[in-house]
Amino acid sequence: MRCILSIDVEDWFHILDVPGAPKPSDWEHLPSRIEIGMMKLFEILAQCNTKATFFFLGWIAERFPHLVIEADTYGHEIASHGYLHELAYRMTPSEFLDDITRSKKILEDTIGKPVRGFRGAGFSLTEATPWFFEKLIEAGFLYDSSLFPASRQHGGMNVEKRAPYKVVEMPRVFYEIPISVVDILGKPLCLFGGGYLRLFPYGLIRKMAHKVLSEKRPVVFYVHPREVDPDHPRMQMSLARRFKSYVNLRTTEPKLQKILHDFEVTTFIDFIKVELCEENVA
């Protein structure tokens, strides 16, 4: 079974739940670093002849459409990360639908292709969002990767569903592909993205990735452009939060290169086509 590589396309000031963080109305006036991180990721992936799924914020895609076009031209999958990077459980169902519809339209208008995948900000699919899949179906998505099957600061659900599954109660075919977790000392942990990937030694990450694969589950790796741009500006935050956000930034690139050397990775949409044998995928 192949692994899946995903990129959450956000800028350095899109970190969630930081007191005093700039408001969306201020984002335009901040120095963006998104192009630096994206160019580095394009370079790494091209060197390894690897394709990934890029979950673009609609706000980013609107201002940097050339990055969406370039990712698509390289053969990567374009998917949605919502428009304003808001936690789903802090929105009403109608606000959520408006946000995801807006982002999807921007992306589809940019590349002239359907956008089939979604990932919520902060993996914010929780018990407080029972309408989550329904609204994604209504917006025209085929799959989601917002389920984090363990406790975490944003979102997270302590559920037993860890493998990709078809959401059977939906009016048409729809898949959930959860973030990968593995039991360590009886506790489910994710070592395969964000601060987890940066914090843990690569030897442990590789060992646990093989454990996930042995359980017939794909390993869903995820990184952000800011994580391969260690010189990006820092936000003011608590010491604990600063550690989580900025620890070992300079290890992201070499770890990503090792992952691409040691594992066969693909996009979400190709995984659905090949591994889940879904034929009706445009």
Protein backbone atom coordinates (compact mmCIF):
# COMPACT_ATOMS: atom_id res chain seq x y z
CA MET A 1 0.00 0.00 0.00
CA ARG A 2 1.29 3.45 -0.92
CA CYS A 3 1.54 6.43 1.42
CA ILE A 4 -0.05 9.82 0.78
CA LEU A 5 1.80 13.15 0.84
CA SER A 6 -0.13 16.34 1.48
CA ILE A 7 0.81 20.01 1.74
CA ASP A 8 -1.40 22.43 3.69
CA VAL A 9 -0.79 25.68 1.82
CA GLU A 10 -0.84 28.42 4.46
CA ASP A 11 1.43 31.37 5.19
CA TRP A 12 3.45 31.94 8.37
CA PHE A 13 0.70 34.08 9.95
CA HIS A 14 -2.04 31.43 9.56
CA ILE A 15 -1.19 29.54 12.76
CA LEU A 16 -4.44 28.88 14.63
CA ASP A 17 -5.55 30.16 18.04
CA VAL A 18 -2.70 32.51 18.84
CA PRO A 19 -3.78 35.44 21.03
CA GLY A 20 -3.11 38.68 19.22
CA ALA A 21 -2.72 36.95 15.86
CA PRO A 22 -3.34 39.25 12.87
CA LYS A 23 -6.93 39.39 11.68
CA PRO A 24 -7.79 38.45 8.08
CA SER A 25 -8.23 42.14 7.34
CA ASP A 26 -4.55 42.62 8.24
CA TRP A 27 -3.14 39.70 6.22
CA GLU A 28 -2.78 41.76 3.05
CA HIS A 29 -0.31 44.05 4.80
CA LEU A 30 2.02 41.34 6.12
CA PRO A 31 5.15 40.17 4.26
CA SER A 32 4.21 36.88 2.64
CA ARG A 33 6.67 33.98 2.58
CA ILE A 34 4.41 31.53 0.78
CA GLU A 35 6.32 31.63 -2.50
CA ILE A 36 9.61 30.78 -0.79
CA GLY A 37 8.21 27.67 0.87
CA MET A 38 6.28 26.58 -2.20
CA MET A 39 9.25 26.89 -4.52
CA LYS A 40 11.30 24.75 -2.12
CA LEU A 41 8.58 22.10 -2.01
CA PHE A 42 8.22 22.07 -5.80
CA GLU A 43 11.98 21.57 -6.05
CA ILE A 44 12.08 18.70 -3.54
CA LEU A 45 9.16 16.90 -5.16
CA ALA A 46 10.55 17.36 -8.67
CA GLN A 47 13.92 15.94 -7.63
CA CYS A 48 12.17 12.82 -6.33
CA ASN A 49 9.68 12.65 -9.22
CA THR A 50 6.88 12.65 -6.66
CA LYS A 51 3.32 14.01 -6.75
CA ALA A 52 1.50 15.40 -3.72
CA THR A 53 -1.90 16.84 -2.82
CA PHE A 54 -1.80 20.59 -2.17
CA PHE A 55 -4.63 21.77 0.11
CA PHE A 56 -4.76 25.47 -0.78
CA LEU A 57 -6.38 28.11 1.36
CA GLY A 58 -8.73 30.02 -0.93
CA TRP A 59 -7.28 33.27 0.42
CA ILE A 60 -3.82 32.15 -0.77
CA ALA A 61 -5.09 30.92 -4.13
CA GLU A 62 -6.86 34.21 -4.77
CA ARG A 63 -3.68 36.24 -4.27
CA PHE A 64 -1.13 33.79 -5.67
CA PRO A 65 -2.97 32.01 -8.50
CA HIS A 66 0.35 31.29 -10.22
CA LEU A 67 1.23 28.91 -7.37
CA VAL A 68 -1.98 26.95 -7.93
CA ILE A 69 -1.31 26.85 -11.67
CA GLU A 70 2.30 25.80 -11.15
CA ALA A 71 1.32 23.00 -8.75
CA ASP A 72 -1.25 21.76 -11.26
CA THR A 73 1.25 22.02 -14.13
CA TYR A 74 3.70 19.84 -12.20
CA GLY A 75 0.96 17.21 -11.95
CA HIS A 76 0.12 17.66 -8.28
CA GLU A 77 -3.44 17.41 -7.04
CA ILE A 78 -5.17 20.67 -6.12
CA ALA A 79 -7.52 20.45 -3.13
CA SER A 80 -9.21 22.87 -0.74
CA HIS A 81 -8.26 23.94 2.77
CA GLY A 82 -11.20 26.31 3.06
CA TYR A 83 -11.03 30.04 2.40
CA LEU A 84 -10.08 31.78 5.67
CA HIS A 85 -8.53 28.96 7.76
CA GLU A 86 -11.32 28.95 10.31
CA LEU A 87 -12.06 26.03 12.62
CA ALA A 88 -15.19 24.23 11.42
CA TYR A 89 -16.66 23.83 14.91
CA ARG A 90 -16.63 27.62 15.35
CA MET A 91 -18.77 28.12 12.25
CA THR A 92 -22.43 27.51 11.63
CA PRO A 93 -23.28 24.97 8.93
CA SER A 94 -24.19 27.77 6.51
CA GLU A 95 -20.98 29.70 7.26
CA PHE A 96 -18.97 26.54 6.68
CA LEU A 97 -20.73 25.87 3.38
CA ASP A 98 -20.14 29.43 2.20
CA ASP A 99 -16.44 29.20 3.11
CA ILE A 100 -15.76 25.88 1.39
CA THR A 101 -17.84 26.77 -1.68
CA ARG A 102 -15.95 30.03 -2.11
CA SER A 103 -12.57 28.31 -1.89
CA LYS A 104 -13.57 25.49 -4.25
CA LYS A 105 -14.78 27.95 -6.89
CA ILE A 106 -11.56 29.99 -6.75
CA LEU A 107 -9.44 26.88 -7.22
CA GLU A 108 -11.58 25.44 -10.00
CA ASP A 109 -11.70 28.75 -11.85
CA THR A 110 -7.91 28.95 -11.59
CA ILE A 111 -7.06 25.51 -13.01
CA GLY A 112 -10.22 24.74 -15.01
CA LYS A 113 -10.62 21.35 -13.32
CA PRO A 114 -12.85 19.91 -10.59
CA VAL A 115 -11.48 20.03 -7.05
CA ARG A 116 -12.42 16.82 -5.25
CA GLY A 117 -10.68 16.97 -1.87
CA PHE A 118 -10.98 18.98 1.36
CA ARG A 119 -9.11 19.32 4.63
CA GLY A 120 -10.45 21.48 7.44
CA ALA A 121 -8.30 23.96 9.32
CA GLY A 122 -6.77 22.29 12.37
CA PHE A 123 -8.42 18.97 11.44
CA SER A 124 -11.55 20.46 12.98
CA LEU A 125 -13.97 17.62 12.29
CA THR A 126 -15.42 16.88 15.76
CA GLU A 127 -18.58 15.70 17.50
CA ALA A 128 -19.66 19.36 17.35
CA THR A 129 -19.86 19.24 13.52
CA PRO A 130 -22.40 16.47 12.72
CA TRP A 131 -23.21 18.33 9.48
CA PHE A 132 -19.59 18.30 8.26
CA PHE A 133 -19.83 15.58 5.59
CA GLU A 134 -23.27 16.69 4.49
CA LYS A 135 -21.98 20.17 3.65
CA LEU A 136 -18.93 18.80 1.85
CA ILE A 137 -21.22 16.64 -0.29
CA GLU A 138 -23.43 19.64 -0.96
CA ALA A 139 -20.38 21.61 -2.12
CA GLY A 140 -19.42 18.82 -4.53
CA PHE A 141 -16.43 17.19 -2.83
CA LEU A 142 -15.55 13.50 -3.16
CA TYR A 143 -13.33 13.05 -0.10
CA ASP A 144 -12.15 14.64 3.12
CA SER A 145 -9.01 14.30 5.25
CA SER A 146 -9.96 16.21 8.40
CA LEU A 147 -10.44 13.35 10.84
CA PHE A 148 -7.67 13.24 13.44
CA PRO A 149 -8.44 10.03 15.39
CA ALA A 150 -6.86 11.13 18.67
CA SER A 151 -6.99 14.05 21.09
CA ARG A 152 -5.30 17.26 19.98
CA GLN A 153 -5.49 21.00 20.56
CA HIS A 154 -7.76 21.65 17.57
CA GLY A 155 -10.37 19.11 16.65
CA GLY A 156 -9.48 15.50 17.18
CA MET A 157 -11.86 12.63 17.90
CA ASN A 158 -11.17 9.52 19.94
CA VAL A 159 -12.66 7.10 17.42
CA GLU A 160 -11.70 3.64 16.25
CA LYS A 161 -11.91 4.49 12.55
CA ARG A 162 -8.30 4.85 11.43
CA ALA A 163 -8.37 3.40 7.91
CA PRO A 164 -9.94 5.14 4.89
CA TYR A 165 -13.65 4.46 4.71
CA LYS A 166 -16.73 5.23 2.67
CA VAL A 167 -19.22 7.44 4.52
CA VAL A 168 -22.23 5.24 3.89
CA GLU A 169 -24.96 7.57 5.11
CA MET A 170 -24.17 10.11 2.41
CA PRO A 171 -26.47 10.44 -0.65
CA ARG A 172 -23.55 9.65 -2.97
CA VAL A 173 -20.04 8.21 -2.77
CA PHE A 174 -17.88 10.07 -0.27
CA TYR A 175 -14.65 9.03 1.45
CA GLU A 176 -12.95 9.97 4.68
CA ILE A 177 -9.18 9.38 4.79
CA PRO A 178 -8.09 10.01 8.38
CA ILE A 179 -4.77 11.38 9.52
CA SER A 180 -2.48 8.50 10.49
CA VAL A 181 -1.97 7.69 14.14
CA VAL A 182 -0.17 4.79 15.78
CA ASP A 183 -0.35 3.44 19.32
CA ILE A 184 2.75 4.11 21.40
CA LEU A 185 2.60 2.99 25.04
CA GLY A 186 -1.15 2.62 24.67
CA LYS A 187 -1.71 6.16 23.43
CA PRO A 188 -2.56 7.10 19.82
CA LEU A 189 0.01 9.51 18.42
CA CYS A 190 0.70 11.07 15.04
CA LEU A 191 4.34 11.25 14.04
CA PHE A 192 3.78 12.02 10.39
CA GLY A 193 3.16 15.74 10.04
CA GLY A 194 3.55 19.22 11.45
CA GLY A 195 5.25 19.53 14.83
CA TYR A 196 5.07 15.76 15.33
CA LEU A 197 7.20 15.15 12.26
CA ARG A 198 9.68 17.81 13.33
CA LEU A 199 9.94 16.67 16.95
CA PHE A 200 10.43 12.91 16.68
CA PRO A 201 13.62 11.30 15.32
CA TYR A 202 13.34 10.00 11.78
CA GLY A 203 14.21 6.44 12.78
CA LEU A 204 11.10 6.28 14.96
CA ILE A 205 8.96 7.93 12.29
CA ARG A 206 10.07 5.36 9.71
CA LYS A 207 9.49 2.44 12.09
CA MET A 208 6.01 3.62 13.01
CA ALA A 209 5.15 4.32 9.37
CA HIS A 210 5.92 0.70 8.55
CA LYS A 211 3.69 -0.32 11.46
CA VAL A 212 0.81 1.67 9.97
CA LEU A 213 1.40 0.10 6.57
CA SER A 214 1.47 -3.37 8.15
CA GLU A 215 -2.06 -2.65 9.42
CA LYS A 216 -3.18 -2.09 5.80
CA ARG A 217 -3.51 1.65 6.27
CA PRO A 218 -1.80 4.37 4.24
CA VAL A 219 0.51 6.75 6.05
CA VAL A 220 -0.79 10.28 5.52
CA PHE A 221 2.19 12.61 5.70
CA TYR A 222 1.57 16.38 5.86
CA VAL A 223 3.75 19.48 5.94
CA HIS A 224 3.31 23.25 5.52
CA PRO A 225 5.33 25.57 3.26
CA ARG A 226 6.55 27.54 6.30
CA GLU A 227 8.18 24.36 7.65
CA VAL A 228 10.70 24.26 4.79
CA ASP A 229 11.32 28.01 5.22
CA PRO A 230 12.92 28.13 8.69
CA ASP A 231 13.77 31.83 8.37
CA HIS A 232 10.14 32.93 8.20
CA PRO A 233 8.92 35.55 10.72
CA ARG A 234 7.80 34.37 14.15
CA MET A 235 4.52 35.22 15.84
CA GLN A 236 4.23 36.24 19.46
CA MET A 237 2.90 33.33 21.51
CA SER A 238 3.38 31.38 24.74
CA LEU A 239 6.55 29.37 25.25
CA ALA A 240 4.67 26.08 24.95
CA ARG A 241 2.96 27.13 21.77
CA ARG A 242 6.18 28.56 20.38
CA PHE A 243 7.86 25.20 20.93
CA LYS A 244 5.08 23.35 19.08
CA SER A 245 5.09 25.80 16.19
CA TYR A 246 8.82 26.27 15.66
CA VAL A 247 10.70 23.30 17.12
CA ASN A 248 13.22 21.69 14.72
CA LEU A 249 12.12 23.62 11.64
CA ARG A 250 15.43 22.92 9.95
CA THR A 251 14.79 19.17 10.15
CA THR A 252 11.67 19.29 7.95
CA GLU A 253 13.41 19.34 4.59
CA PRO A 254 15.88 16.49 5.28
CA LYS A 255 13.13 14.38 6.86
CA LEU A 256 10.86 14.97 3.87
CA GLN A 257 13.65 13.92 1.54
CA LYS A 258 14.18 10.73 3.56
CA ILE A 259 10.45 9.97 3.45
CA LEU A 260 10.42 10.34 -0.32
CA HIS A 261 13.44 8.05 -0.56
CA ASP A 262 12.11 5.36 1.79
CA PHE A 263 8.40 5.28 0.89
CA GLU A 264 6.27 5.26 -2.24
CA VAL A 265 3.90 8.22 -1.96
CA THR A 266 1.00 9.44 -4.04
CA THR A 267 -1.88 11.93 -4.02
CA PHE A 268 -5.22 11.43 -2.32
CA ILE A 269 -7.11 11.24 -5.58
CA ASP A 270 -4.77 8.60 -7.04
CA PHE A 271 -4.98 6.61 -3.80
CA ILE A 272 -8.76 6.60 -4.09
CA LYS A 273 -8.60 5.51 -7.72
CA VAL A 274 -6.01 2.76 -7.26
CA GLU A 275 -6.17 1.53 -3.67
CA LEU A 276 -9.90 2.05 -3.06
CA CYS A 277 -10.79 1.06 -6.64
CA GLU A 278 -13.12 4.00 -7.13
CA GLU A 279 -13.77 4.15 -10.87
CA ASN A 280 -16.07 7.16 -10.93
CA VAL A 281 -13.40 9.77 -10.31
CA ALA A 282 -13.08 12.61 -12.83
